[in-house]
């Protein structure tokens, strides 16, 4: 994503908002409130657990290892092991740092 696209949750919220704006019924207001509440709850859970950041760090670790293997096709097993260990240690330290990071 380029950062300009909406997430699925944002699209649902915008659809609910559009419905309520066009009808202003209590039913559509409740749908909007529910969709917004779910989105806020999901974001708070993500912030408390840091799972989105852990997933991003894991993906970055895997990509870095893959890039090393691609750039070094003749690397020895010892070199590969050292690179994997280095990248996993970076991943682990970044995850550990999340424990002391502010939530908001």
PDB file of N, CA and C in Angstrom:
ATOM      1  N   UNK A   1       0.832  -1.181   0.000  1.00  0.00           N
ATOM      2  CA  UNK A   1       0.000   0.000   0.000  1.00  0.00           C
ATOM      3  C   UNK A   1       0.877   1.245   0.000  1.00  0.00           C
ATOM      4  N   UNK A   2       0.432   2.256  -0.688  1.00  0.00           N
ATOM      5  CA  UNK A   2       1.214   3.489  -0.784  1.00  0.00           C
ATOM      6  C   UNK A   2       0.989   4.405   0.410  1.00  0.00           C
ATOM      7  N   UNK A   3       0.072   4.060   1.282  1.00  0.00           N
ATOM      8  CA  UNK A   3      -0.243   4.916   2.412  1.00  0.00           C
ATOM      9  C   UNK A   3      -1.475   5.762   2.156  1.00  0.00           C
ATOM     10  N   UNK A   4      -1.925   5.834   0.915  1.00  0.00           N
ATOM     11  CA  UNK A   4      -3.104   6.616   0.581  1.00  0.00           C
ATOM     12  C   UNK A   4      -4.365   5.766   0.556  1.00  0.00           C
ATOM     13  N   UNK A   5      -4.215   4.456   0.422  1.00  0.00           N
ATOM     14  CA  UNK A   5      -5.361   3.576   0.387  1.00  0.00           C
ATOM     15  C   UNK A   5      -5.936   3.397   1.788  1.00  0.00           C
ATOM     16  N   UNK A   6      -7.244   3.148   1.837  1.00  0.00           N
ATOM     17  CA  UNK A   6      -7.901   2.895   3.110  1.00  0.00           C
ATOM     18  C   UNK A   6      -7.811   1.419   3.449  1.00  0.00           C
ATOM     19  N   UNK A   7      -7.732   1.134   4.726  1.00  0.00           N
ATOM     20  CA  UNK A   7      -7.816  -0.247   5.177  1.00  0.00           C
ATOM     21  C   UNK A   7      -9.263  -0.697   5.065  1.00  0.00           C
ATOM     22  N   UNK A   8      -9.480  -1.991   5.192  1.00  0.00           N
ATOM     23  CA  UNK A   8     -10.856  -2.504   5.162  1.00  0.00           C
ATOM     24  C   UNK A   8     -11.697  -1.875   6.268  1.00  0.00           C
ATOM     25  N   UNK A   9     -11.121  -1.748   7.454  1.00  0.00           N
ATOM     26  CA  UNK A   9     -11.853  -1.149   8.572  1.00  0.00           C
ATOM     27  C   UNK A   9     -12.233   0.298   8.266  1.00  0.00           C
ATOM     28  N   UNK A  10     -11.334   1.035   7.635  1.00  0.00           N
ATOM     29  CA  UNK A  10     -11.636   2.430   7.280  1.00  0.00           C
ATOM     30  C   UNK A  10     -12.734   2.509   6.224  1.00  0.00           C
ATOM     31  N   UNK A  11     -12.718   1.594   5.270  1.00  0.00           N
ATOM     32  CA  UNK A  11     -13.765   1.576   4.240  1.00  0.00           C
ATOM     33  C   UNK A  11     -15.118   1.294   4.879  1.00  0.00           C
ATOM     34  N   UNK A  12     -15.177   0.287   5.785  1.00  0.00           N
ATOM     35  CA  UNK A  12     -16.438  -0.019   6.457  1.00  0.00           C
ATOM     36  C   UNK A  12     -16.942   1.193   7.239  1.00  0.00           C
ATOM     37  N   UNK A  13     -16.024   1.871   7.912  1.00  0.00           N
ATOM     38  CA  UNK A  13     -16.423   3.041   8.692  1.00  0.00           C
ATOM     39  C   UNK A  13     -16.947   4.150   7.768  1.00  0.00           C
ATOM     40  N   UNK A  14     -16.296   4.366   6.655  1.00  0.00           N
ATOM     41  CA  UNK A  14     -16.735   5.401   5.726  1.00  0.00           C
ATOM     42  C   UNK A  14     -18.090   5.065   5.101  1.00  0.00           C
ATOM     43  N   UNK A  15     -18.311   3.786   4.795  1.00  0.00           N
ATOM     44  CA  UNK A  15     -19.610   3.368   4.265  1.00  0.00           C
ATOM     45  C   UNK A  15     -20.698   3.599   5.312  1.00  0.00           C
ATOM     46  N   UNK A  16     -20.407   3.228   6.563  1.00  0.00           N
ATOM     47  CA  UNK A  16     -21.384   3.439   7.633  1.00  0.00           C
ATOM     48  C   UNK A  16     -21.647   4.931   7.834  1.00  0.00           C
ATOM     49  N   UNK A  17     -20.611   5.740   7.769  1.00  0.00           N
ATOM     50  CA  UNK A  17     -20.778   7.190   7.901  1.00  0.00           C
ATOM     51  C   UNK A  17     -21.601   7.753   6.755  1.00  0.00           C
ATOM     52  N   UNK A  18     -21.312   7.328   5.551  1.00  0.00           N
ATOM     53  CA  UNK A  18     -22.059   7.792   4.386  1.00  0.00           C
ATOM     54  C   UNK A  18     -23.537   7.409   4.493  1.00  0.00           C
ATOM     55  N   UNK A  19     -23.794   6.177   4.928  1.00  0.00           N
ATOM     56  CA  UNK A  19     -25.185   5.750   5.115  1.00  0.00           C
ATOM     57  C   UNK A  19     -25.899   6.622   6.128  1.00  0.00           C
ATOM     58  N   UNK A  20     -25.231   6.859   7.259  1.00  0.00           N
ATOM     59  CA  UNK A  20     -25.859   7.669   8.302  1.00  0.00           C
ATOM     60  C   UNK A  20     -26.063   9.104   7.827  1.00  0.00           C
ATOM     61  N   UNK A  21     -25.083   9.664   7.129  1.00  0.00           N
ATOM     62  CA  UNK A  21     -25.222  11.036   6.634  1.00  0.00           C
ATOM     63  C   UNK A  21     -26.386  11.179   5.662  1.00  0.00           C
ATOM     64  N   UNK A  22     -26.632  10.141   4.876  1.00  0.00           N
ATOM     65  CA  UNK A  22     -27.712  10.238   3.896  1.00  0.00           C
ATOM     66  C   UNK A  22     -29.079   9.922   4.500  1.00  0.00           C
ATOM     67  N   UNK A  23     -29.115   9.158   5.599  1.00  0.00           N
ATOM     68  CA  UNK A  23     -30.415   8.778   6.161  1.00  0.00           C
ATOM     69  C   UNK A  23     -30.695   9.406   7.524  1.00  0.00           C
ATOM     70  N   UNK A  24     -29.668   9.529   8.338  1.00  0.00           N
ATOM     71  CA  UNK A  24     -29.747  10.037   9.708  1.00  0.00           C
ATOM     72  C   UNK A  24     -30.734   9.239  10.576  1.00  0.00           C
ATOM     73  N   UNK A  25     -30.859   7.938  10.268  1.00  0.00           N
ATOM     74  CA  UNK A  25     -31.732   7.081  11.088  1.00  0.00           C
ATOM     75  C   UNK A  25     -30.955   6.585  12.303  1.00  0.00           C
ATOM     76  N   UNK A  26     -31.696   6.217  13.335  1.00  0.00           N
ATOM     77  CA  UNK A  26     -31.064   5.657  14.533  1.00  0.00           C
ATOM     78  C   UNK A  26     -30.343   4.354  14.217  1.00  0.00           C
ATOM     79  N   UNK A  27     -30.936   3.558  13.330  1.00  0.00           N
ATOM     80  CA  UNK A  27     -30.315   2.289  12.949  1.00  0.00           C
ATOM     81  C   UNK A  27     -28.943   2.528  12.312  1.00  0.00           C
ATOM     82  N   UNK A  28     -28.853   3.472  11.373  1.00  0.00           N
ATOM     83  CA  UNK A  28     -27.573   3.759  10.722  1.00  0.00           C
ATOM     84  C   UNK A  28     -26.585   4.411  11.687  1.00  0.00           C
ATOM     85  N   UNK A  29     -27.086   5.187  12.649  1.00  0.00           N
ATOM     86  CA  UNK A  29     -26.212   5.774  13.673  1.00  0.00           C
ATOM     87  C   UNK A  29     -25.607   4.675  14.529  1.00  0.00           C
ATOM     88  N   UNK A  30     -26.413   3.661  14.865  1.00  0.00           N
ATOM     89  CA  UNK A  30     -25.911   2.539  15.664  1.00  0.00           C
ATOM     90  C   UNK A  30     -24.882   1.723  14.881  1.00  0.00           C
ATOM     91  N   UNK A  31     -25.118   1.530  13.595  1.00  0.00           N
ATOM     92  CA  UNK A  31     -24.153   0.814  12.758  1.00  0.00           C
ATOM     93  C   UNK A  31     -22.833   1.583  12.731  1.00  0.00           C
ATOM     94  N   UNK A  32     -22.917   2.891  12.529  1.00  0.00           N
ATOM     95  CA  UNK A  32     -21.709   3.726  12.516  1.00  0.00           C
ATOM     96  C   UNK A  32     -20.991   3.649  13.855  1.00  0.00           C
ATOM     97  N   UNK A  33     -21.724   3.738  14.948  1.00  0.00           N
ATOM     98  CA  UNK A  33     -21.115   3.666  16.279  1.00  0.00           C
ATOM     99  C   UNK A  33     -20.449   2.309  16.504  1.00  0.00           C
ATOM    100  N   UNK A  34     -21.077   1.241  16.055  1.00  0.00           N
ATOM    101  CA  UNK A  34     -20.519  -0.102  16.219  1.00  0.00           C
ATOM    102  C   UNK A  34     -19.245  -0.272  15.405  1.00  0.00           C
ATOM    103  N   UNK A  35     -19.297   0.112  14.138  1.00  0.00           N
ATOM    104  CA  UNK A  35     -18.119  -0.019  13.271  1.00  0.00           C
ATOM    105  C   UNK A  35     -16.964   0.824  13.817  1.00  0.00           C
ATOM    106  N   UNK A  36     -17.263   2.033  14.262  1.00  0.00           N
ATOM    107  CA  UNK A  36     -16.220   2.903  14.817  1.00  0.00           C
ATOM    108  C   UNK A  36     -15.660   2.314  16.105  1.00  0.00           C
ATOM    109  N   UNK A  37     -16.527   1.773  16.956  1.00  0.00           N
ATOM    110  CA  UNK A  37     -16.080   1.146  18.200  1.00  0.00           C
ATOM    111  C   UNK A  37     -15.173  -0.044  17.965  1.00  0.00           C
ATOM    112  N   UNK A  38     -15.519  -0.859  16.983  1.00  0.00           N
ATOM    113  CA  UNK A  38     -14.680  -2.013  16.646  1.00  0.00           C
ATOM    114  C   UNK A  38     -13.316  -1.548  16.151  1.00  0.00           C
ATOM    115  N   UNK A  39     -13.309  -0.529  15.299  1.00  0.00           N
ATOM    116  CA  UNK A  39     -12.046  -0.026  14.760  1.00  0.00           C
ATOM    117  C   UNK A  39     -11.169   0.552  15.877  1.00  0.00           C
ATOM    118  N   UNK A  40     -11.760   1.307  16.780  1.00  0.00           N
ATOM    119  CA  UNK A  40     -11.000   1.879  17.901  1.00  0.00           C
ATOM    120  C   UNK A  40     -10.483   0.761  18.808  1.00  0.00           C
ATOM    121  N   UNK A  41     -11.327  -0.223  19.089  1.00  0.00           N
ATOM    122  CA  UNK A  41     -10.902  -1.343  19.930  1.00  0.00           C
ATOM    123  C   UNK A  41      -9.752  -2.124  19.319  1.00  0.00           C
ATOM    124  N   UNK A  42      -9.833  -2.355  18.008  1.00  0.00           N
ATOM    125  CA  UNK A  42      -8.761  -3.066  17.305  1.00  0.00           C
ATOM    126  C   UNK A  42      -7.447  -2.288  17.372  1.00  0.00           C
ATOM    127  N   UNK A  43      -7.529  -0.983  17.189  1.00  0.00           N
ATOM    128  CA  UNK A  43      -6.322  -0.153  17.235  1.00  0.00           C
ATOM    129  C   UNK A  43      -5.718  -0.140  18.644  1.00  0.00           C
ATOM    130  N   UNK A  44      -6.573  -0.053  19.656  1.00  0.00           N
ATOM    131  CA  UNK A  44      -6.064  -0.079  21.036  1.00  0.00           C
ATOM    132  C   UNK A  44      -5.396  -1.412  21.351  1.00  0.00           C
ATOM    133  N   UNK A  45      -6.002  -2.504  20.913  1.00  0.00           N
ATOM    134  CA  UNK A  45      -5.405  -3.820  21.129  1.00  0.00           C
ATOM    135  C   UNK A  45      -4.047  -3.910  20.447  1.00  0.00           C
ATOM    136  N   UNK A  46      -3.963  -3.414  19.226  1.00  0.00           N
ATOM    137  CA  UNK A  46      -2.689  -3.395  18.502  1.00  0.00           C
ATOM    138  C   UNK A  46      -1.641  -2.599  19.257  1.00  0.00           C
ATOM    139  N   UNK A  47      -2.054  -1.461  19.794  1.00  0.00           N
ATOM    140  CA  UNK A  47      -1.087  -0.623  20.528  1.00  0.00           C
ATOM    141  C   UNK A  47      -0.640  -1.284  21.821  1.00  0.00           C
ATOM    142  N   UNK A  48      -1.558  -1.950  22.524  1.00  0.00           N
ATOM    143  CA  UNK A  48      -1.192  -2.613  23.774  1.00  0.00           C
ATOM    144  C   UNK A  48      -0.299  -3.821  23.536  1.00  0.00           C
ATOM    145  N   UNK A  49      -0.574  -4.597  22.502  1.00  0.00           N
ATOM    146  CA  UNK A  49       0.197  -5.811  22.251  1.00  0.00           C
ATOM    147  C   UNK A  49       1.432  -5.561  21.400  1.00  0.00           C
ATOM    148  N   UNK A  50       1.391  -4.526  20.546  1.00  0.00           N
ATOM    149  CA  UNK A  50       2.504  -4.260  19.641  1.00  0.00           C
ATOM    150  C   UNK A  50       2.629  -5.303  18.539  1.00  0.00           C
ATOM    151  N   UNK A  51       1.598  -6.121  18.342  1.00  0.00           N
ATOM    152  CA  UNK A  51       1.680  -7.224  17.394  1.00  0.00           C
ATOM    153  C   UNK A  51       1.955  -6.750  15.972  1.00  0.00           C
ATOM    154  N   UNK A  52       1.400  -5.612  15.586  1.00  0.00           N
ATOM    155  CA  UNK A  52       1.648  -5.118  14.229  1.00  0.00           C
ATOM    156  C   UNK A  52       3.120  -4.799  14.019  1.00  0.00           C
ATOM    157  N   UNK A  53       3.758  -4.258  15.047  1.00  0.00           N
ATOM    158  CA  UNK A  53       5.195  -3.956  14.945  1.00  0.00           C
ATOM    159  C   UNK A  53       6.027  -5.235  14.952  1.00  0.00           C
ATOM    160  N   UNK A  54       5.639  -6.195  15.780  1.00  0.00           N
ATOM    161  CA  UNK A  54       6.352  -7.475  15.815  1.00  0.00           C
ATOM    162  C   UNK A  54       6.286  -8.129  14.434  1.00  0.00           C
ATOM    163  N   UNK A  55       5.104  -8.122  13.832  1.00  0.00           N
ATOM    164  CA  UNK A  55       4.954  -8.709  12.495  1.00  0.00           C
ATOM    165  C   UNK A  55       5.819  -7.984  11.473  1.00  0.00           C
ATOM    166  N   UNK A  56       5.861  -6.654  11.551  1.00  0.00           N
ATOM    167  CA  UNK A  56       6.688  -5.875  10.623  1.00  0.00           C
ATOM    168  C   UNK A  56       8.176  -6.189  10.830  1.00  0.00           C
ATOM    169  N   UNK A  57       8.609  -6.296  12.084  1.00  0.00           N
ATOM    170  CA  UNK A  57      10.011  -6.622  12.369  1.00  0.00           C
ATOM    171  C   UNK A  57      10.360  -8.017  11.856  1.00  0.00           C
ATOM    172  N   UNK A  58       9.435  -8.962  12.034  1.00  0.00           N
ATOM    173  CA  UNK A  58       9.669 -10.328  11.564  1.00  0.00           C
ATOM    174  C   UNK A  58       9.813 -10.350  10.043  1.00  0.00           C
ATOM    175  N   UNK A  59       8.920  -9.662   9.355  1.00  0.00           N
ATOM    176  CA  UNK A  59       8.999  -9.608   7.892  1.00  0.00           C
ATOM    177  C   UNK A  59      10.303  -8.969   7.436  1.00  0.00           C
ATOM    178  N   UNK A  60      10.709  -7.908   8.113  1.00  0.00           N
ATOM    179  CA  UNK A  60      11.973  -7.243   7.767  1.00  0.00           C
ATOM    180  C   UNK A  60      13.157  -8.181   7.981  1.00  0.00           C
ATOM    181  N   UNK A  61      13.138  -8.940   9.056  1.00  0.00           N
ATOM    182  CA  UNK A  61      14.207  -9.902   9.346  1.00  0.00           C
ATOM    183  C   UNK A  61      14.304 -10.937   8.232  1.00  0.00           C
ATOM    184  N   UNK A  62      13.175 -11.479   7.854  1.00  0.00           N
ATOM    185  CA  UNK A  62      13.147 -12.502   6.798  1.00  0.00           C
ATOM    186  C   UNK A  62      13.630 -11.913   5.471  1.00  0.00           C
ATOM    187  N   UNK A  63      13.171 -10.716   5.149  1.00  0.00           N
ATOM    188  CA  UNK A  63      13.601 -10.076   3.904  1.00  0.00           C
ATOM    189  C   UNK A  63      15.100  -9.792   3.900  1.00  0.00           C
ATOM    190  N   UNK A  64      15.638  -9.369   5.032  1.00  0.00           N
ATOM    191  CA  UNK A  64      17.072  -9.098   5.111  1.00  0.00           C
ATOM    192  C   UNK A  64      17.896 -10.370   4.925  1.00  0.00           C
ATOM    193  N   UNK A  65      17.436 -11.460   5.516  1.00  0.00           N
ATOM    194  CA  UNK A  65      18.137 -12.735   5.344  1.00  0.00           C
ATOM    195  C   UNK A  65      18.052 -13.178   3.889  1.00  0.00           C
ATOM    196  N   UNK A  66      16.875 -13.047   3.300  1.00  0.00           N
ATOM    197  CA  UNK A  66      16.696 -13.417   1.888  1.00  0.00           C
ATOM    198  C   UNK A  66      17.594 -12.583   0.987  1.00  0.00           C
ATOM    199  N   UNK A  67      17.685 -11.301   1.276  1.00  0.00           N
ATOM    200  CA  UNK A  67      18.537 -10.410   0.475  1.00  0.00           C
ATOM    201  C   UNK A  67      20.007 -10.813   0.603  1.00  0.00           C
ATOM    202  N   UNK A  68      20.434 -11.161   1.811  1.00  0.00           N
ATOM    203  CA  UNK A  68      21.807 -11.623   2.004  1.00  0.00           C
ATOM    204  C   UNK A  68      22.074 -12.871   1.161  1.00  0.00           C
ATOM    205  N   UNK A  69      21.136 -13.824   1.191  1.00  0.00           N
ATOM    206  CA  UNK A  69      21.306 -15.059   0.424  1.00  0.00           C
ATOM    207  C   UNK A  69      21.334 -14.783  -1.074  1.00  0.00           C
ATOM    208  N   UNK A  70      20.522 -13.845  -1.512  1.00  0.00           N
ATOM    209  CA  UNK A  70      20.482 -13.500  -2.934  1.00  0.00           C
ATOM    210  C   UNK A  70      21.793 -12.838  -3.366  1.00  0.00           C
ATOM    211  N   UNK A  71      22.320 -11.967  -2.522  1.00  0.00           N
ATOM    212  CA  UNK A  71      23.554 -11.261  -2.873  1.00  0.00           C
ATOM    213  C   UNK A  71      24.804 -12.107  -2.659  1.00  0.00           C
ATOM    214  N   UNK A  72      24.679 -13.179  -1.902  1.00  0.00           N
ATOM    215  CA  UNK A  72      25.837 -14.037  -1.588  1.00  0.00           C
ATOM    216  C   UNK A  72      25.508 -15.505  -1.867  1.00  0.00           C
ATOM    217  N   UNK A  73      25.293 -15.850  -3.115  1.00  0.00           N
ATOM    218  CA  UNK A  73      24.867 -17.223  -3.434  1.00  0.00           C
ATOM    219  C   UNK A  73      25.910 -18.285  -3.074  1.00  0.00           C
ATOM    220  N   UNK A  74      27.146 -17.878  -2.940  1.00  0.00           N
ATOM    221  CA  UNK A  74      28.199 -18.848  -2.618  1.00  0.00           C
ATOM    222  C   UNK A  74      28.670 -18.744  -1.171  1.00  0.00           C
ATOM    223  N   UNK A  75      27.857 -18.129  -0.335  1.00  0.00           N
ATOM    224  CA  UNK A  75      28.237 -17.982   1.074  1.00  0.00           C
ATOM    225  C   UNK A  75      28.341 -19.359   1.723  1.00  0.00           C
ATOM    226  N   UNK A  76      29.312 -19.491   2.606  1.00  0.00           N
ATOM    227  CA  UNK A  76      29.478 -20.761   3.326  1.00  0.00           C
ATOM    228  C   UNK A  76      28.351 -20.911   4.344  1.00  0.00           C
ATOM    229  N   UNK A  77      28.173 -22.127   4.818  1.00  0.00           N
ATOM    230  CA  UNK A  77      27.144 -22.365   5.830  1.00  0.00           C
ATOM    231  C   UNK A  77      27.438 -21.545   7.088  1.00  0.00           C
ATOM    232  N   UNK A  78      28.715 -21.391   7.415  1.00  0.00           N
ATOM    233  CA  UNK A  78      29.089 -20.596   8.590  1.00  0.00           C
ATOM    234  C   UNK A  78      28.706 -19.132   8.395  1.00  0.00           C
ATOM    235  N   UNK A  79      28.933 -18.590   7.186  1.00  0.00           N
ATOM    236  CA  UNK A  79      28.555 -17.207   6.902  1.00  0.00           C
ATOM    237  C   UNK A  79      27.036 -17.028   6.959  1.00  0.00           C
ATOM    238  N   UNK A  80      26.313 -17.999   6.424  1.00  0.00           N
ATOM    239  CA  UNK A  80      24.848 -17.933   6.454  1.00  0.00           C
ATOM    240  C   UNK A  80      24.353 -17.985   7.896  1.00  0.00           C
ATOM    241  N   UNK A  81      24.925 -18.904   8.675  1.00  0.00           N
ATOM    242  CA  UNK A  81      24.529 -19.012  10.080  1.00  0.00           C
ATOM    243  C   UNK A  81      24.805 -17.719  10.835  1.00  0.00           C
ATOM    244  N   UNK A  82      25.951 -17.103  10.580  1.00  0.00           N
ATOM    245  CA  UNK A  82      26.306 -15.851  11.254  1.00  0.00           C
ATOM    246  C   UNK A  82      25.339 -14.736  10.875  1.00  0.00           C
ATOM    247  N   UNK A  83      24.982 -14.660   9.597  1.00  0.00           N
ATOM    248  CA  UNK A  83      24.057 -13.622   9.143  1.00  0.00           C
ATOM    249  C   UNK A  83      22.668 -13.835   9.746  1.00  0.00           C
ATOM    250  N   UNK A  84      22.210 -15.076   9.756  1.00  0.00           N
ATOM    251  CA  UNK A  84      20.897 -15.373  10.340  1.00  0.00           C
ATOM    252  C   UNK A  84      20.906 -15.030  11.829  1.00  0.00           C
ATOM    253  N   UNK A  85      21.953 -15.409  12.521  1.00  0.00           N
ATOM    254  CA  UNK A  85      22.047 -15.108  13.951  1.00  0.00           C
ATOM    255  C   UNK A  85      22.032 -13.608  14.194  1.00  0.00           C
ATOM    256  N   UNK A  86      22.783 -12.873  13.384  1.00  0.00           N
ATOM    257  CA  UNK A  86      22.832 -11.411  13.521  1.00  0.00           C
ATOM    258  C   UNK A  86      21.440 -10.812  13.318  1.00  0.00           C
ATOM    259  N   UNK A  87      20.760 -11.235  12.271  1.00  0.00           N
ATOM    260  CA  UNK A  87      19.428 -10.684  11.954  1.00  0.00           C
ATOM    261  C   UNK A  87      18.398 -11.065  13.010  1.00  0.00           C
ATOM    262  N   UNK A  88      18.486 -12.283  13.527  1.00  0.00           N
ATOM    263  CA  UNK A  88      17.549 -12.700  14.571  1.00  0.00           C
ATOM    264  C   UNK A  88      17.799 -11.923  15.858  1.00  0.00           C
ATOM    265  N   UNK A  89      19.053 -11.652  16.177  1.00  0.00           N
ATOM    266  CA  UNK A  89      19.363 -10.845  17.363  1.00  0.00           C
ATOM    267  C   UNK A  89      18.833  -9.418  17.223  1.00  0.00           C
ATOM    268  N   UNK A  90      18.936  -8.853  16.027  1.00  0.00           N
ATOM    269  CA  UNK A  90      18.371  -7.515  15.785  1.00  0.00           C
ATOM    270  C   UNK A  90      16.859  -7.559  15.983  1.00  0.00           C
ATOM    271  N   UNK A  91      16.218  -8.570  15.404  1.00  0.00           N
ATOM    272  CA  UNK A  91      14.771  -8.741  15.559  1.00  0.00           C
ATOM    273  C   UNK A  91      14.408  -8.834  17.041  1.00  0.00           C
ATOM    274  N   UNK A  92      15.107  -9.680  17.770  1.00  0.00           N
ATOM    275  CA  UNK A  92      14.804  -9.886  19.192  1.00  0.00           C
ATOM    276  C   UNK A  92      14.998  -8.604  20.002  1.00  0.00           C
ATOM    277  N   UNK A  93      16.037  -7.850  19.693  1.00  0.00           N
ATOM    278  CA  UNK A  93      16.259  -6.607  20.441  1.00  0.00           C
ATOM    279  C   UNK A  93      15.186  -5.571  20.130  1.00  0.00           C
ATOM    280  N   UNK A  94      14.720  -5.544  18.896  1.00  0.00           N
ATOM    281  CA  UNK A  94      13.653  -4.606  18.539  1.00  0.00           C
ATOM    282  C   UNK A  94      12.349  -4.981  19.240  1.00  0.00           C
ATOM    283  N   UNK A  95      12.052  -6.278  19.308  1.00  0.00           N
ATOM    284  CA  UNK A  95      10.847  -6.729  20.010  1.00  0.00           C
ATOM    285  C   UNK A  95      10.975  -6.429  21.498  1.00  0.00           C
ATOM    286  N   UNK A  96      12.143  -6.680  22.056  1.00  0.00           N
ATOM    287  CA  UNK A  96      12.383  -6.399  23.477  1.00  0.00           C
ATOM    288  C   UNK A  96      12.191  -4.910  23.775  1.00  0.00           C
ATOM    289  N   UNK A  97      12.612  -4.055  22.846  1.00  0.00           N
ATOM    290  CA  UNK A  97      12.472  -2.603  23.044  1.00  0.00           C
ATOM    291  C   UNK A  97      11.009  -2.186  23.089  1.00  0.00           C
ATOM    292  N   UNK A  98      10.141  -2.966  22.507  1.00  0.00           N
ATOM    293  CA  UNK A  98       8.707  -2.627  22.540  1.00  0.00           C
ATOM    294  C   UNK A  98       8.155  -2.670  23.966  1.00  0.00           C
ATOM    295  N   UNK A  99       8.772  -3.473  24.820  1.00  0.00           N
ATOM    296  CA  UNK A  99       8.306  -3.578  26.208  1.00  0.00           C
ATOM    297  C   UNK A  99       8.389  -2.260  26.942  1.00  0.00           C
ATOM    298  N   UNK A 100       9.371  -1.433  26.588  1.00  0.00           N
ATOM    299  CA  UNK A 100       9.543  -0.161  27.290  1.00  0.00           C
ATOM    300  C   UNK A 100       9.060   1.029  26.462  1.00  0.00           C
ATOM    301  N   UNK A 101       8.548   0.771  25.260  1.00  0.00           N
ATOM    302  CA  UNK A 101       8.065   1.857  24.395  1.00  0.00           C
ATOM    303  C   UNK A 101       6.724   2.364  24.910  1.00  0.00           C
ATOM    304  N   UNK A 102       6.494   3.674  24.798  1.00  0.00           N
ATOM    305  CA  UNK A 102       5.190   4.196  25.217  1.00  0.00           C
ATOM    306  C   UNK A 102       4.085   3.655  24.308  1.00  0.00           C
ATOM    307  N   UNK A 103       2.911   3.457  24.876  1.00  0.00           N
ATOM    308  CA  UNK A 103       1.781   2.903  24.130  1.00  0.00           C
ATOM    309  C   UNK A 103       1.222   3.927  23.164  1.00  0.00           C
ATOM    310  N   UNK A 104       1.168   5.174  23.560  1.00  0.00           N
ATOM    311  CA  UNK A 104       0.582   6.210  22.704  1.00  0.00           C
ATOM    312  C   UNK A 104       1.607   7.210  22.275  1.00  0.00           C
TER     313      UNK A 104
END
